[in-house]
């Protein structure tokens, strides 16, 4: 059993030996990292009720108030008798050299290394921009076709009204195309983000809408010259 004190309120806490290096929360709400070995002594009260088991006595002892125990940064967090050498770049606690490991250029302690690897090895998340791009492209491309057709069939098709319809029809596909390119850049930079197929489909669909709207815009703009 590992015994240690809360760094905020000083309450004595206990965890099994297998929990060394993990995070636990005290009743005061402050998170504490479990040391690899006990940092406070276990004192069993002499006035414990008769018939109380050793485990119950330990629990009762842990409930007693204690003064906060400050961790000396000059010594390793896990080994209080070994001078510290570096600080973990995630939790900022100081450790001796054997307690640290370099992961992708970052110096981390054991628990922070495990947490970072768990995030890296977990299932990737789908890019939200890729999803929004595909939805806007599916909606915007048919809408651009309808709006530009309305402008072309309007009796005032050679006026600014028809041009406004065409510009409005090109708005959603343009936004979808921009989001698709941003999503592809995000996926390229972050291996934990997926959705390349969604982004490419959104980009292709949006490009069709943009090309169609731009073509109709040029046709409508050039009609007065022909007439």
C-alpha atoms as a PDB file:
ATOM      1  CA  UNK A   1       0.000   0.000   0.000  1.00  0.00           C
ATOM      2  CA  UNK A   2       1.317   3.469  -0.924  1.00  0.00           C
ATOM      3  CA  UNK A   3       0.615   6.277   1.541  1.00  0.00           C
ATOM      4  CA  UNK A   4       0.998   9.949   0.602  1.00  0.00           C
ATOM      5  CA  UNK A   5      -0.461  13.339   1.483  1.00  0.00           C
ATOM      6  CA  UNK A   6      -2.649  15.653  -0.624  1.00  0.00           C
ATOM      7  CA  UNK A   7      -0.560  18.589  -1.819  1.00  0.00           C
ATOM      8  CA  UNK A   8      -3.449  20.982  -1.151  1.00  0.00           C
ATOM      9  CA  UNK A   9      -5.076  20.012   2.151  1.00  0.00           C
ATOM     10  CA  UNK A  10      -2.519  17.561   3.529  1.00  0.00           C
ATOM     11  CA  UNK A  11      -5.014  14.735   3.892  1.00  0.00           C
ATOM     12  CA  UNK A  12      -3.392  11.285   4.016  1.00  0.00           C
ATOM     13  CA  UNK A  13      -4.288   9.186   1.013  1.00  0.00           C
ATOM     14  CA  UNK A  14      -3.569   5.571   0.150  1.00  0.00           C
ATOM     15  CA  UNK A  15      -3.456   3.620  -3.085  1.00  0.00           C
ATOM     16  CA  UNK A  16      -2.375   0.067  -3.961  1.00  0.00           C
ATOM     17  CA  UNK A  17       1.221  -0.472  -5.042  1.00  0.00           C
ATOM     18  CA  UNK A  18       0.075  -0.976  -8.648  1.00  0.00           C
ATOM     19  CA  UNK A  19      -1.270   2.611  -8.774  1.00  0.00           C
ATOM     20  CA  UNK A  20       2.168   4.235  -8.587  1.00  0.00           C
ATOM     21  CA  UNK A  21       2.472   7.163 -10.988  1.00  0.00           C
ATOM     22  CA  UNK A  22      -1.275   7.506 -11.615  1.00  0.00           C
ATOM     23  CA  UNK A  23      -3.484  10.514 -10.811  1.00  0.00           C
ATOM     24  CA  UNK A  24      -6.072  10.433  -8.038  1.00  0.00           C
ATOM     25  CA  UNK A  25      -8.334  13.157  -6.685  1.00  0.00           C
ATOM     26  CA  UNK A  26      -8.618  14.108  -3.040  1.00  0.00           C
ATOM     27  CA  UNK A  27     -11.944  14.979  -1.389  1.00  0.00           C
ATOM     28  CA  UNK A  28     -10.907  18.637  -1.650  1.00  0.00           C
ATOM     29  CA  UNK A  29     -10.979  18.289  -5.441  1.00  0.00           C
ATOM     30  CA  UNK A  30      -7.230  18.562  -6.102  1.00  0.00           C
ATOM     31  CA  UNK A  31      -5.537  15.968  -8.291  1.00  0.00           C
ATOM     32  CA  UNK A  32      -2.457  14.254  -6.905  1.00  0.00           C
ATOM     33  CA  UNK A  33       0.061  12.010  -8.588  1.00  0.00           C
ATOM     34  CA  UNK A  34       0.579   8.763  -6.667  1.00  0.00           C
ATOM     35  CA  UNK A  35       4.286   8.333  -5.792  1.00  0.00           C
ATOM     36  CA  UNK A  36       6.021   5.045  -6.412  1.00  0.00           C
ATOM     37  CA  UNK A  37       6.568   4.562  -2.696  1.00  0.00           C
ATOM     38  CA  UNK A  38       5.050   5.924   0.512  1.00  0.00           C
ATOM     39  CA  UNK A  39       6.028   9.502   1.340  1.00  0.00           C
ATOM     40  CA  UNK A  40       4.329   9.651   4.757  1.00  0.00           C
ATOM     41  CA  UNK A  41       4.415   7.247   7.669  1.00  0.00           C
ATOM     42  CA  UNK A  42       1.412   5.128   8.592  1.00  0.00           C
ATOM     43  CA  UNK A  43       0.299   5.850  12.125  1.00  0.00           C
ATOM     44  CA  UNK A  44      -2.430   3.682  13.688  1.00  0.00           C
ATOM     45  CA  UNK A  45      -4.292   5.548  16.436  1.00  0.00           C
ATOM     46  CA  UNK A  46      -3.983   3.915  19.839  1.00  0.00           C
ATOM     47  CA  UNK A  47      -7.581   4.772  20.679  1.00  0.00           C
ATOM     48  CA  UNK A  48      -9.031   2.719  17.830  1.00  0.00           C
ATOM     49  CA  UNK A  49     -12.327   0.991  18.673  1.00  0.00           C
ATOM     50  CA  UNK A  50     -12.039  -2.567  19.931  1.00  0.00           C
ATOM     51  CA  UNK A  51     -12.440  -5.232  17.288  1.00  0.00           C
ATOM     52  CA  UNK A  52     -11.492  -2.902  14.429  1.00  0.00           C
ATOM     53  CA  UNK A  53      -9.425  -4.580  11.722  1.00  0.00           C
ATOM     54  CA  UNK A  54      -6.029  -3.326  10.619  1.00  0.00           C
ATOM     55  CA  UNK A  55      -7.477  -2.099   7.319  1.00  0.00           C
ATOM     56  CA  UNK A  56     -10.189  -0.138   9.114  1.00  0.00           C
ATOM     57  CA  UNK A  57      -7.583   1.349  11.413  1.00  0.00           C
ATOM     58  CA  UNK A  58      -5.499   2.428   8.433  1.00  0.00           C
ATOM     59  CA  UNK A  59      -8.560   3.987   6.837  1.00  0.00           C
ATOM     60  CA  UNK A  60      -9.402   5.834  10.063  1.00  0.00           C
ATOM     61  CA  UNK A  61      -5.827   7.051  10.283  1.00  0.00           C
ATOM     62  CA  UNK A  62      -5.959   8.325   6.697  1.00  0.00           C
ATOM     63  CA  UNK A  63      -9.013  10.445   7.545  1.00  0.00           C
ATOM     64  CA  UNK A  64      -7.156  12.424  10.177  1.00  0.00           C
ATOM     65  CA  UNK A  65      -6.068  15.909   9.199  1.00  0.00           C
ATOM     66  CA  UNK A  66      -2.406  16.469   8.457  1.00  0.00           C
ATOM     67  CA  UNK A  67      -0.410  19.519   7.498  1.00  0.00           C
ATOM     68  CA  UNK A  68       0.298  19.862   3.748  1.00  0.00           C
ATOM     69  CA  UNK A  69       3.453  18.093   2.667  1.00  0.00           C
ATOM     70  CA  UNK A  70       5.461  20.122   0.188  1.00  0.00           C
ATOM     71  CA  UNK A  71       7.436  18.286  -2.488  1.00  0.00           C
ATOM     72  CA  UNK A  72      11.032  19.439  -2.662  1.00  0.00           C
ATOM     73  CA  UNK A  73      11.796  20.175  -6.353  1.00  0.00           C
ATOM     74  CA  UNK A  74      15.469  19.523  -5.655  1.00  0.00           C
ATOM     75  CA  UNK A  75      14.651  15.813  -5.302  1.00  0.00           C
ATOM     76  CA  UNK A  76      12.942  13.308  -7.571  1.00  0.00           C
ATOM     77  CA  UNK A  77       9.158  13.107  -7.255  1.00  0.00           C
ATOM     78  CA  UNK A  78       9.309   9.302  -7.089  1.00  0.00           C
ATOM     79  CA  UNK A  79      12.538   8.935  -5.107  1.00  0.00           C
ATOM     80  CA  UNK A  80      12.650  11.517  -2.346  1.00  0.00           C
ATOM     81  CA  UNK A  81      16.303  10.743  -1.558  1.00  0.00           C
ATOM     82  CA  UNK A  82      17.572  11.130  -5.147  1.00  0.00           C
ATOM     83  CA  UNK A  83      18.344  14.616  -6.546  1.00  0.00           C
ATOM     84  CA  UNK A  84      16.137  15.662  -9.458  1.00  0.00           C
ATOM     85  CA  UNK A  85      17.649  16.409 -12.852  1.00  0.00           C
ATOM     86  CA  UNK A  86      14.863  17.450 -15.241  1.00  0.00           C
ATOM     87  CA  UNK A  87      11.176  18.338 -15.206  1.00  0.00           C
ATOM     88  CA  UNK A  88       8.487  16.471 -17.125  1.00  0.00           C
ATOM     89  CA  UNK A  89       7.282  18.760 -19.920  1.00  0.00           C
ATOM     90  CA  UNK A  90       3.638  17.791 -19.340  1.00  0.00           C
ATOM     91  CA  UNK A  91       3.073  17.702 -15.569  1.00  0.00           C
ATOM     92  CA  UNK A  92       6.107  19.926 -14.702  1.00  0.00           C
ATOM     93  CA  UNK A  93       7.133  17.693 -11.796  1.00  0.00           C
ATOM     94  CA  UNK A  94      10.877  17.128 -11.393  1.00  0.00           C
ATOM     95  CA  UNK A  95      12.394  13.635 -11.625  1.00  0.00           C
ATOM     96  CA  UNK A  96      15.725  11.893 -11.683  1.00  0.00           C
ATOM     97  CA  UNK A  97      17.051  10.734 -15.037  1.00  0.00           C
ATOM     98  CA  UNK A  98      15.869   7.061 -14.822  1.00  0.00           C
ATOM     99  CA  UNK A  99      12.279   8.240 -14.246  1.00  0.00           C
ATOM    100  CA  UNK A 100      12.148  10.203 -17.519  1.00  0.00           C
ATOM    101  CA  UNK A 101      11.881   9.178 -21.148  1.00  0.00           C
ATOM    102  CA  UNK A 102      11.980  11.145 -24.410  1.00  0.00           C
ATOM    103  CA  UNK A 103       8.908  10.689 -26.634  1.00  0.00           C
ATOM    104  CA  UNK A 104       8.860  12.569 -29.945  1.00  0.00           C
ATOM    105  CA  UNK A 105      11.265  15.171 -28.652  1.00  0.00           C
ATOM    106  CA  UNK A 106       9.473  15.711 -25.313  1.00  0.00           C
ATOM    107  CA  UNK A 107      10.902  14.687 -21.954  1.00  0.00           C
ATOM    108  CA  UNK A 108       8.116  12.921 -20.052  1.00  0.00           C
ATOM    109  CA  UNK A 109       7.656  10.944 -16.870  1.00  0.00           C
ATOM    110  CA  UNK A 110       6.177   7.436 -16.973  1.00  0.00           C
ATOM    111  CA  UNK A 111       2.473   8.314 -16.458  1.00  0.00           C
ATOM    112  CA  UNK A 112       2.576  11.266 -18.858  1.00  0.00           C
ATOM    113  CA  UNK A 113       4.293   9.057 -21.432  1.00  0.00           C
ATOM    114  CA  UNK A 114       1.573   6.431 -21.063  1.00  0.00           C
ATOM    115  CA  UNK A 115      -1.154   9.049 -21.380  1.00  0.00           C
ATOM    116  CA  UNK A 116       0.422  10.574 -24.498  1.00  0.00           C
ATOM    117  CA  UNK A 117       0.895   7.160 -26.142  1.00  0.00           C
ATOM    118  CA  UNK A 118      -2.706   6.237 -25.345  1.00  0.00           C
ATOM    119  CA  UNK A 119      -3.856   9.358 -27.180  1.00  0.00           C
ATOM    120  CA  UNK A 120      -1.593   8.626 -30.150  1.00  0.00           C
ATOM    121  CA  UNK A 121      -2.656   4.983 -30.407  1.00  0.00           C
ATOM    122  CA  UNK A 122      -6.372   5.669 -29.896  1.00  0.00           C
ATOM    123  CA  UNK A 123      -8.883   5.801 -32.765  1.00  0.00           C
ATOM    124  CA  UNK A 124      -8.513   8.929 -34.931  1.00  0.00           C
ATOM    125  CA  UNK A 125     -11.224  11.574 -34.975  1.00  0.00           C
ATOM    126  CA  UNK A 126     -12.942  12.696 -38.156  1.00  0.00           C
ATOM    127  CA  UNK A 127     -12.288  16.264 -39.254  1.00  0.00           C
ATOM    128  CA  UNK A 128     -15.310  18.447 -38.596  1.00  0.00           C
ATOM    129  CA  UNK A 129     -14.348  20.739 -41.478  1.00  0.00           C
ATOM    130  CA  UNK A 130     -14.386  17.782 -43.873  1.00  0.00           C
ATOM    131  CA  UNK A 131     -17.921  16.860 -42.792  1.00  0.00           C
ATOM    132  CA  UNK A 132     -19.192  20.448 -43.074  1.00  0.00           C
ATOM    133  CA  UNK A 133     -17.503  20.817 -46.463  1.00  0.00           C
ATOM    134  CA  UNK A 134     -19.242  17.726 -47.836  1.00  0.00           C
ATOM    135  CA  UNK A 135     -22.645  18.818 -46.501  1.00  0.00           C
ATOM    136  CA  UNK A 136     -22.310  22.328 -47.929  1.00  0.00           C
ATOM    137  CA  UNK A 137     -21.108  20.944 -51.258  1.00  0.00           C
ATOM    138  CA  UNK A 138     -24.061  18.540 -51.521  1.00  0.00           C
ATOM    139  CA  UNK A 139     -26.483  21.354 -50.734  1.00  0.00           C
ATOM    140  CA  UNK A 140     -24.677  24.169 -52.536  1.00  0.00           C
ATOM    141  CA  UNK A 141     -23.960  22.582 -55.920  1.00  0.00           C
ATOM    142  CA  UNK A 142     -27.610  21.751 -56.829  1.00  0.00           C
ATOM    143  CA  UNK A 143     -28.624  25.113 -55.371  1.00  0.00           C
ATOM    144  CA  UNK A 144     -26.135  26.925 -57.582  1.00  0.00           C
ATOM    145  CA  UNK A 145     -27.526  25.099 -60.616  1.00  0.00           C
ATOM    146  CA  UNK A 146     -31.082  26.179 -59.701  1.00  0.00           C
ATOM    147  CA  UNK A 147     -30.167  29.802 -58.972  1.00  0.00           C
ATOM    148  CA  UNK A 148     -28.122  30.284 -62.123  1.00  0.00           C
ATOM    149  CA  UNK A 149     -30.886  28.666 -64.184  1.00  0.00           C
ATOM    150  CA  UNK A 150     -33.412  31.080 -62.701  1.00  0.00           C
ATOM    151  CA  UNK A 151     -31.145  33.969 -63.609  1.00  0.00           C
ATOM    152  CA  UNK A 152     -30.675  32.644 -67.152  1.00  0.00           C
ATOM    153  CA  UNK A 153     -34.399  32.155 -67.770  1.00  0.00           C
ATOM    154  CA  UNK A 154     -35.371  35.523 -66.236  1.00  0.00           C
ATOM    155  CA  UNK A 155     -36.489  38.137 -68.733  1.00  0.00           C
ATOM    156  CA  UNK A 156     -34.067  40.439 -66.991  1.00  0.00           C
ATOM    157  CA  UNK A 157     -31.345  37.860 -67.367  1.00  0.00           C
ATOM    158  CA  UNK A 158     -28.952  40.395 -68.884  1.00  0.00           C
ATOM    159  CA  UNK A 159     -29.360  42.772 -65.956  1.00  0.00           C
ATOM    160  CA  UNK A 160     -27.800  42.848 -62.532  1.00  0.00           C
ATOM    161  CA  UNK A 161     -30.578  40.624 -61.151  1.00  0.00           C
ATOM    162  CA  UNK A 162     -29.391  37.604 -63.102  1.00  0.00           C
ATOM    163  CA  UNK A 163     -25.793  38.276 -62.144  1.00  0.00           C
ATOM    164  CA  UNK A 164     -26.828  38.475 -58.473  1.00  0.00           C
ATOM    165  CA  UNK A 165     -28.538  35.046 -58.765  1.00  0.00           C
ATOM    166  CA  UNK A 166     -25.357  33.581 -60.201  1.00  0.00           C
ATOM    167  CA  UNK A 167     -23.139  35.087 -57.508  1.00  0.00           C
ATOM    168  CA  UNK A 168     -25.513  33.808 -54.800  1.00  0.00           C
ATOM    169  CA  UNK A 169     -25.425  30.346 -56.334  1.00  0.00           C
ATOM    170  CA  UNK A 170     -21.620  30.329 -56.198  1.00  0.00           C
ATOM    171  CA  UNK A 171     -21.443  31.281 -52.498  1.00  0.00           C
ATOM    172  CA  UNK A 172     -22.061  27.889 -50.812  1.00  0.00           C
ATOM    173  CA  UNK A 173     -19.855  25.840 -53.181  1.00  0.00           C
ATOM    174  CA  UNK A 174     -17.039  28.347 -52.685  1.00  0.00           C
ATOM    175  CA  UNK A 175     -17.264  28.064 -48.898  1.00  0.00           C
ATOM    176  CA  UNK A 176     -17.408  24.262 -49.174  1.00  0.00           C
ATOM    177  CA  UNK A 177     -14.322  24.233 -51.411  1.00  0.00           C
ATOM    178  CA  UNK A 178     -12.400  26.423 -48.971  1.00  0.00           C
ATOM    179  CA  UNK A 179     -13.329  24.207 -46.012  1.00  0.00           C
ATOM    180  CA  UNK A 180     -12.315  21.102 -47.954  1.00  0.00           C
ATOM    181  CA  UNK A 181      -8.818  22.485 -48.556  1.00  0.00           C
ATOM    182  CA  UNK A 182      -8.510  23.512 -44.899  1.00  0.00           C
ATOM    183  CA  UNK A 183      -9.586  20.022 -43.832  1.00  0.00           C
ATOM    184  CA  UNK A 184      -7.011  18.405 -46.119  1.00  0.00           C
ATOM    185  CA  UNK A 185      -4.309  20.616 -44.594  1.00  0.00           C
ATOM    186  CA  UNK A 186      -5.409  19.684 -41.089  1.00  0.00           C
ATOM    187  CA  UNK A 187      -5.383  15.976 -41.942  1.00  0.00           C
ATOM    188  CA  UNK A 188      -1.928  16.289 -43.483  1.00  0.00           C
ATOM    189  CA  UNK A 189      -0.502  17.999 -40.384  1.00  0.00           C
ATOM    190  CA  UNK A 190      -2.188  15.837 -37.740  1.00  0.00           C
ATOM    191  CA  UNK A 191      -2.057  12.038 -38.160  1.00  0.00           C
ATOM    192  CA  UNK A 192      -4.761  11.674 -35.484  1.00  0.00           C
ATOM    193  CA  UNK A 193      -7.348  13.372 -37.725  1.00  0.00           C
ATOM    194  CA  UNK A 194      -9.104  11.372 -40.464  1.00  0.00           C
ATOM    195  CA  UNK A 195     -11.654  12.256 -43.140  1.00  0.00           C
ATOM    196  CA  UNK A 196      -9.525  12.637 -46.256  1.00  0.00           C
ATOM    197  CA  UNK A 197     -12.141  10.888 -48.415  1.00  0.00           C
ATOM    198  CA  UNK A 198     -14.872  13.183 -47.108  1.00  0.00           C
ATOM    199  CA  UNK A 199     -12.748  16.257 -47.789  1.00  0.00           C
ATOM    200  CA  UNK A 200     -11.874  15.130 -51.326  1.00  0.00           C
ATOM    201  CA  UNK A 201     -15.510  14.328 -52.120  1.00  0.00           C
ATOM    202  CA  UNK A 202     -16.586  17.690 -50.754  1.00  0.00           C
ATOM    203  CA  UNK A 203     -13.872  19.464 -52.761  1.00  0.00           C
ATOM    204  CA  UNK A 204     -14.864  17.702 -56.002  1.00  0.00           C
ATOM    205  CA  UNK A 205     -18.587  18.347 -55.541  1.00  0.00           C
ATOM    206  CA  UNK A 206     -18.010  21.963 -54.573  1.00  0.00           C
ATOM    207  CA  UNK A 207     -15.661  22.519 -57.519  1.00  0.00           C
ATOM    208  CA  UNK A 208     -18.407  21.379 -59.915  1.00  0.00           C
ATOM    209  CA  UNK A 209     -20.794  23.916 -58.385  1.00  0.00           C
ATOM    210  CA  UNK A 210     -18.218  26.701 -58.528  1.00  0.00           C
ATOM    211  CA  UNK A 211     -17.310  25.965 -62.170  1.00  0.00           C
ATOM    212  CA  UNK A 212     -20.976  25.819 -63.175  1.00  0.00           C
ATOM    213  CA  UNK A 213     -21.819  29.095 -61.415  1.00  0.00           C
ATOM    214  CA  UNK A 214     -18.740  30.832 -62.810  1.00  0.00           C
ATOM    215  CA  UNK A 215     -19.549  29.644 -66.329  1.00  0.00           C
ATOM    216  CA  UNK A 216     -23.123  30.893 -66.119  1.00  0.00           C
ATOM    217  CA  UNK A 217     -21.899  34.168 -64.646  1.00  0.00           C
ATOM    218  CA  UNK A 218     -19.592  34.702 -67.626  1.00  0.00           C
ATOM    219  CA  UNK A 219     -22.361  33.788 -70.049  1.00  0.00           C
ATOM    220  CA  UNK A 220     -24.793  36.231 -68.476  1.00  0.00           C
ATOM    221  CA  UNK A 221     -22.155  38.947 -68.263  1.00  0.00           C
ATOM    222  CA  UNK A 222     -21.282  38.535 -71.940  1.00  0.00           C
ATOM    223  CA  UNK A 223     -24.866  38.421 -73.241  1.00  0.00           C
ATOM    224  CA  UNK A 224     -25.366  42.195 -73.468  1.00  0.00           C
ATOM    225  CA  UNK A 225     -22.317  42.433 -75.690  1.00  0.00           C
ATOM    226  CA  UNK A 226     -23.724  39.785 -78.015  1.00  0.00           C
ATOM    227  CA  UNK A 227     -27.162  41.431 -78.146  1.00  0.00           C
END
